[in-house]
C-alpha atoms as a PDB file:
ATOM      1  CA  MET A   1     -16.005 -87.335  20.100  1.00  0.00           C
ATOM      2  CA  GLU A   2     -14.958 -84.487  17.826  1.00  0.00           C
ATOM      3  CA  PRO A   3     -13.594 -81.091  18.865  1.00  0.00           C
ATOM      4  CA  LEU A   4     -16.216 -78.356  18.935  1.00  0.00           C
ATOM      5  CA  LEU A   5     -14.433 -75.424  20.572  1.00  0.00           C
ATOM      6  CA  SER A   6     -11.021 -74.640  22.059  1.00  0.00           C
ATOM      7  CA  ILE A   7     -10.316 -71.555  24.197  1.00  0.00           C
ATOM      8  CA  ASP A   8      -6.857 -70.698  25.520  1.00  0.00           C
ATOM      9  CA  THR A   9      -5.980 -68.041  28.087  1.00  0.00           C
ATOM     10  CA  PHE A  10      -2.760 -67.174  26.235  1.00  0.00           C
ATOM     11  CA  GLU A  11      -2.219 -66.676  22.515  1.00  0.00           C
ATOM     12  CA  TRP A  12       1.394 -67.803  22.823  1.00  0.00           C
ATOM     13  CA  ASP A  13       3.785 -68.916  25.561  1.00  0.00           C
ATOM     14  CA  ASP A  14       5.265 -65.767  27.127  1.00  0.00           C
ATOM     15  CA  GLY A  15       8.106 -67.711  28.770  1.00  0.00           C
ATOM     16  CA  THR A  16       9.471 -69.307  25.601  1.00  0.00           C
ATOM     17  CA  ARG A  17       7.731 -67.177  22.964  1.00  0.00           C
ATOM     18  CA  SER A  18       7.208 -70.404  21.047  1.00  0.00           C
ATOM     19  CA  TRP A  19       4.686 -68.840  18.676  1.00  0.00           C
ATOM     20  CA  ILE A  20       4.176 -65.142  18.071  1.00  0.00           C
ATOM     21  CA  PRO A  21       2.180 -63.748  15.133  1.00  0.00           C
ATOM     22  CA  TYR A  22       4.463 -62.093  12.600  1.00  0.00           C
ATOM     23  CA  GLU A  23       2.766 -58.697  12.988  1.00  0.00           C
ATOM     24  CA  ASP A  24       3.329 -58.724  16.787  1.00  0.00           C
ATOM     25  CA  ARG A  25       7.010 -59.692  16.889  1.00  0.00           C
ATOM     26  CA  ALA A  26       8.564 -56.228  16.729  1.00  0.00           C
ATOM     27  CA  ALA A  27       6.293 -54.832  19.450  1.00  0.00           C
ATOM     28  CA  GLU A  28       6.753 -57.874  21.714  1.00  0.00           C
ATOM     29  CA  PHE A  29      10.540 -57.601  21.670  1.00  0.00           C
ATOM     30  CA  SER A  30      10.633 -53.782  21.920  1.00  0.00           C
ATOM     31  CA  GLY A  31      10.528 -53.701  25.734  1.00  0.00           C
ATOM     32  CA  ASP A  32       7.972 -50.883  25.603  1.00  0.00           C
ATOM     33  CA  ASP A  33       5.516 -51.144  28.524  1.00  0.00           C
ATOM     34  CA  ARG A  34       2.603 -50.270  26.217  1.00  0.00           C
ATOM     35  CA  HIS A  35       3.013 -53.695  24.636  1.00  0.00           C
ATOM     36  CA  HIS A  36       3.091 -55.881  27.758  1.00  0.00           C
ATOM     37  CA  ASP A  37       0.659 -58.793  27.881  1.00  0.00           C
ATOM     38  CA  MET A  38       0.411 -59.001  24.077  1.00  0.00           C
ATOM     39  CA  TRP A  39       0.248 -62.771  24.513  1.00  0.00           C
ATOM     40  CA  ARG A  40      -3.218 -62.299  26.070  1.00  0.00           C
ATOM     41  CA  PRO A  41      -4.927 -59.797  23.733  1.00  0.00           C
ATOM     42  CA  THR A  42      -8.536 -60.648  24.621  1.00  0.00           C
ATOM     43  CA  ARG A  43      -7.908 -60.647  28.392  1.00  0.00           C
ATOM     44  CA  VAL A  44     -10.062 -63.818  28.617  1.00  0.00           C
ATOM     45  CA  GLN A  45      -8.867 -66.068  31.420  1.00  0.00           C
ATOM     46  CA  ILE A  46      -9.896 -69.711  31.696  1.00  0.00           C
ATOM     47  CA  GLY A  47      -9.502 -70.875  35.299  1.00  0.00           C
ATOM     48  CA  SER A  48      -6.027 -69.928  36.506  1.00  0.00           C
ATOM     49  CA  GLY A  49      -4.577 -69.668  32.999  1.00  0.00           C
ATOM     50  CA  TYR A  50      -5.778 -72.903  31.449  1.00  0.00           C
ATOM     51  CA  LYS A  51      -7.089 -74.119  28.118  1.00  0.00           C
ATOM     52  CA  GLN A  52     -10.679 -75.270  27.778  1.00  0.00           C
ATOM     53  CA  GLN A  53     -11.848 -77.674  25.104  1.00  0.00           C
ATOM     54  CA  LEU A  54     -15.378 -78.811  24.299  1.00  0.00           C
ATOM     55  CA  TYR A  55     -16.141 -82.000  22.384  1.00  0.00           C
ATOM     56  CA  VAL A  56     -19.365 -83.207  20.754  1.00  0.00           C
ATOM     57  CA  CYS A  57     -20.539 -86.640  19.641  1.00  0.00           C
ATOM     58  CA  PRO A  58     -21.175 -86.546  15.854  1.00  0.00           C
ATOM     59  CA  ALA A  59     -23.093 -89.842  15.864  1.00  0.00           C
ATOM     60  CA  ALA A  60     -25.697 -88.879  18.458  1.00  0.00           C
ATOM     61  CA  PRO A  61     -26.380 -85.183  19.115  1.00  0.00           C
ATOM     62  CA  GLU A  62     -28.322 -86.069  22.280  1.00  0.00           C
ATOM     63  CA  HIS A  63     -25.102 -87.250  23.959  1.00  0.00           C
ATOM     64  CA  PRO A  64     -23.808 -84.610  26.381  1.00  0.00           C
ATOM     65  CA  HIS A  65     -20.797 -82.519  25.430  1.00  0.00           C
ATOM     66  CA  ILE A  66     -17.487 -83.325  27.096  1.00  0.00           C
ATOM     67  CA  GLU A  67     -15.360 -80.573  28.626  1.00  0.00           C
ATOM     68  CA  LEU A  68     -11.624 -80.748  29.181  1.00  0.00           C
ATOM     69  CA  MET A  69      -9.552 -78.158  31.033  1.00  0.00           C
ATOM     70  CA  GLN A  70      -5.758 -78.358  31.006  1.00  0.00           C
END
């Protein structure tokens, strides 16, 4: 199986701020309420805050896709 699509509820980890895009760093650390929830810019939520991944079989397209939620 090969990865086809990956969707994450959060763009980065708000608790540890382990990865923040360079252009968003100043706003994220400003404390301004206008910039809260920058780690979820699309407002898409998978389950209760999960990641969803879809996989496809490259050898046989008729095989069903596999879904993984973490």
